[in-house]
Amino acid sequence: MSTHRIQVLSLFRRLLRYSDELVLTDQNYYRRRIRVEFDKNKDATDKVASKLIQKGERLLELKRLL
């Protein structure tokens, strides 16, 4: 399994877990949005994937929505 794939799956799981902490946001909408964004970028190149992973990590760090 490639490094990016492992990072992407880890990020995906952490974003889904974060949805359990949301209070003022529709959790189902948030989960759907995560899936849509990941599906949309599933064929991204390594360079683009790296940037998207960084963006996702930053979103989790700042506790912001997509």
N, C-alpha and C. Protein backbone atom coordinates (compact mmCIF):
# COMPACT_ATOMS: atom_id res chain seq x y z
N MET A 1 0.85 -1.18 0.00
CA MET A 1 0.00 0.00 0.00
C MET A 1 0.90 1.24 0.00
N SER A 2 0.59 2.20 -0.86
CA SER A 2 1.43 3.38 -0.97
C SER A 2 1.27 4.29 0.25
N THR A 3 2.27 5.13 0.44
CA THR A 3 2.26 6.06 1.57
C THR A 3 1.08 7.01 1.49
N HIS A 4 0.81 7.52 0.27
CA HIS A 4 -0.31 8.44 0.12
C HIS A 4 -1.64 7.76 0.46
N ARG A 5 -1.78 6.53 0.04
CA ARG A 5 -3.03 5.81 0.32
C ARG A 5 -3.23 5.65 1.82
N ILE A 6 -2.19 5.32 2.53
CA ILE A 6 -2.28 5.18 3.98
C ILE A 6 -2.64 6.51 4.62
N GLN A 7 -2.00 7.59 4.17
CA GLN A 7 -2.28 8.92 4.71
C GLN A 7 -3.72 9.33 4.41
N VAL A 8 -4.18 9.05 3.19
CA VAL A 8 -5.54 9.42 2.80
C VAL A 8 -6.57 8.67 3.64
N LEU A 9 -6.37 7.38 3.80
CA LEU A 9 -7.31 6.59 4.61
C LEU A 9 -7.33 7.05 6.06
N SER A 10 -6.17 7.37 6.59
CA SER A 10 -6.08 7.87 7.96
C SER A 10 -6.81 9.20 8.10
N LEU A 11 -6.57 10.10 7.15
CA LEU A 11 -7.23 11.41 7.16
C LEU A 11 -8.74 11.23 7.06
N PHE A 12 -9.19 10.37 6.16
CA PHE A 12 -10.62 10.10 5.98
C PHE A 12 -11.26 9.64 7.29
N ARG A 13 -10.62 8.69 7.96
CA ARG A 13 -11.15 8.19 9.23
C ARG A 13 -11.18 9.28 10.30
N ARG A 14 -10.11 10.08 10.37
CA ARG A 14 -10.07 11.15 11.38
C ARG A 14 -11.12 12.21 11.11
N LEU A 15 -11.36 12.53 9.83
CA LEU A 15 -12.40 13.50 9.50
C LEU A 15 -13.78 12.97 9.87
N LEU A 16 -14.01 11.69 9.63
CA LEU A 16 -15.30 11.10 10.01
C LEU A 16 -15.46 11.08 11.53
N ARG A 17 -14.40 10.77 12.25
CA ARG A 17 -14.47 10.79 13.73
C ARG A 17 -14.74 12.21 14.24
N TYR A 18 -14.14 13.19 13.58
CA TYR A 18 -14.35 14.58 13.98
C TYR A 18 -15.84 14.96 13.85
N SER A 19 -16.55 14.36 12.92
CA SER A 19 -17.96 14.68 12.74
C SER A 19 -18.77 14.39 14.00
N ASP A 20 -18.32 13.45 14.81
CA ASP A 20 -19.01 13.14 16.06
C ASP A 20 -18.93 14.28 17.06
N GLU A 21 -17.93 15.16 16.91
CA GLU A 21 -17.75 16.29 17.82
C GLU A 21 -18.58 17.50 17.42
N LEU A 22 -19.12 17.51 16.21
CA LEU A 22 -19.84 18.67 15.70
C LEU A 22 -21.17 18.84 16.43
N VAL A 23 -21.45 20.07 16.82
CA VAL A 23 -22.68 20.35 17.55
C VAL A 23 -23.62 21.22 16.71
N LEU A 24 -23.10 22.29 16.15
CA LEU A 24 -23.93 23.24 15.42
C LEU A 24 -23.96 22.97 13.92
N THR A 25 -23.43 21.86 13.50
CA THR A 25 -23.38 21.50 12.09
C THR A 25 -24.07 20.16 11.90
N ASP A 26 -24.78 20.03 10.78
CA ASP A 26 -25.44 18.77 10.45
C ASP A 26 -24.37 17.71 10.19
N GLN A 27 -24.30 16.72 11.05
CA GLN A 27 -23.27 15.69 10.95
C GLN A 27 -23.41 14.88 9.67
N ASN A 28 -24.63 14.60 9.24
CA ASN A 28 -24.82 13.83 8.01
C ASN A 28 -24.33 14.61 6.79
N TYR A 29 -24.61 15.91 6.77
CA TYR A 29 -24.11 16.74 5.67
C TYR A 29 -22.59 16.73 5.65
N TYR A 30 -21.98 16.88 6.80
CA TYR A 30 -20.52 16.90 6.91
C TYR A 30 -19.93 15.59 6.39
N ARG A 31 -20.51 14.46 6.79
CA ARG A 31 -20.01 13.15 6.34
C ARG A 31 -20.17 12.98 4.83
N ARG A 32 -21.33 13.41 4.31
CA ARG A 32 -21.55 13.33 2.86
C ARG A 32 -20.53 14.17 2.12
N ARG A 33 -20.29 15.36 2.65
CA ARG A 33 -19.33 16.28 2.01
C ARG A 33 -17.93 15.68 2.00
N ILE A 34 -17.53 15.02 3.06
CA ILE A 34 -16.23 14.35 3.12
C ILE A 34 -16.16 13.29 2.02
N ARG A 35 -17.18 12.45 1.94
CA ARG A 35 -17.18 11.38 0.93
C ARG A 35 -17.13 11.95 -0.49
N VAL A 36 -17.90 13.00 -0.74
CA VAL A 36 -17.91 13.61 -2.08
C VAL A 36 -16.53 14.14 -2.43
N GLU A 37 -15.90 14.84 -1.50
CA GLU A 37 -14.57 15.40 -1.76
C GLU A 37 -13.53 14.31 -1.99
N PHE A 38 -13.59 13.25 -1.20
CA PHE A 38 -12.63 12.16 -1.38
C PHE A 38 -12.88 11.43 -2.70
N ASP A 39 -14.15 11.19 -3.04
CA ASP A 39 -14.46 10.54 -4.31
C ASP A 39 -14.03 11.40 -5.50
N LYS A 40 -14.24 12.69 -5.38
CA LYS A 40 -13.89 13.61 -6.47
C LYS A 40 -12.39 13.60 -6.74
N ASN A 41 -11.60 13.37 -5.72
CA ASN A 41 -10.14 13.45 -5.85
C ASN A 41 -9.44 12.10 -5.79
N LYS A 42 -10.19 11.02 -5.98
CA LYS A 42 -9.59 9.69 -5.83
C LYS A 42 -8.54 9.38 -6.89
N ASP A 43 -8.57 10.06 -8.03
CA ASP A 43 -7.59 9.81 -9.09
C ASP A 43 -6.54 10.92 -9.17
N ALA A 44 -6.38 11.67 -8.11
CA ALA A 44 -5.43 12.78 -8.09
C ALA A 44 -3.99 12.27 -8.19
N THR A 45 -3.15 13.07 -8.81
CA THR A 45 -1.73 12.73 -8.91
C THR A 45 -1.10 12.83 -7.53
N ASP A 46 0.09 12.28 -7.38
CA ASP A 46 0.78 12.32 -6.09
C ASP A 46 1.00 13.75 -5.61
N LYS A 47 1.35 14.63 -6.52
CA LYS A 47 1.60 16.03 -6.15
C LYS A 47 0.32 16.68 -5.63
N VAL A 48 -0.76 16.48 -6.35
CA VAL A 48 -2.05 17.05 -5.94
C VAL A 48 -2.52 16.39 -4.65
N ALA A 49 -2.34 15.08 -4.55
CA ALA A 49 -2.76 14.35 -3.35
C ALA A 49 -2.03 14.88 -2.12
N SER A 50 -0.75 15.17 -2.26
CA SER A 50 0.02 15.72 -1.13
C SER A 50 -0.57 17.03 -0.66
N LYS A 51 -0.93 17.90 -1.60
CA LYS A 51 -1.51 19.19 -1.24
C LYS A 51 -2.88 19.01 -0.58
N LEU A 52 -3.66 18.07 -1.09
CA LEU A 52 -4.98 17.83 -0.51
C LEU A 52 -4.88 17.24 0.89
N ILE A 53 -3.90 16.37 1.10
CA ILE A 53 -3.68 15.80 2.43
C ILE A 53 -3.30 16.91 3.40
N GLN A 54 -2.41 17.80 2.97
CA GLN A 54 -2.02 18.93 3.83
C GLN A 54 -3.22 19.80 4.16
N LYS A 55 -4.07 20.03 3.16
CA LYS A 55 -5.27 20.85 3.38
C LYS A 55 -6.19 20.18 4.40
N GLY A 56 -6.39 18.88 4.27
CA GLY A 56 -7.23 18.14 5.21
C GLY A 56 -6.67 18.15 6.61
N GLU A 57 -5.35 17.98 6.72
CA GLU A 57 -4.69 18.02 8.04
C GLU A 57 -4.89 19.39 8.67
N ARG A 58 -4.77 20.42 7.87
CA ARG A 58 -4.93 21.79 8.37
C ARG A 58 -6.37 22.03 8.84
N LEU A 59 -7.33 21.51 8.09
CA LEU A 59 -8.73 21.65 8.50
C LEU A 59 -8.99 21.00 9.85
N LEU A 60 -8.41 19.83 10.05
CA LEU A 60 -8.56 19.16 11.35
C LEU A 60 -7.87 19.94 12.46
N GLU A 61 -6.70 20.46 12.15
CA GLU A 61 -5.94 21.22 13.14
C GLU A 61 -6.70 22.47 13.57
N LEU A 62 -7.33 23.15 12.61
CA LEU A 62 -8.05 24.38 12.90
C LEU A 62 -9.49 24.13 13.35
N LYS A 63 -9.92 22.86 13.24
CA LYS A 63 -11.30 22.48 13.57
C LYS A 63 -12.29 23.26 12.72
N ARG A 64 -12.02 23.26 11.41
CA ARG A 64 -12.89 23.95 10.46
C ARG A 64 -13.52 22.94 9.53
N LEU A 65 -14.62 23.35 8.94
CA LEU A 65 -15.33 22.48 8.00
C LEU A 65 -14.74 22.61 6.61
N LEU A 66 -15.08 21.66 5.77
CA LEU A 66 -14.61 21.67 4.38
C LEU A 66 -15.25 22.79 3.61
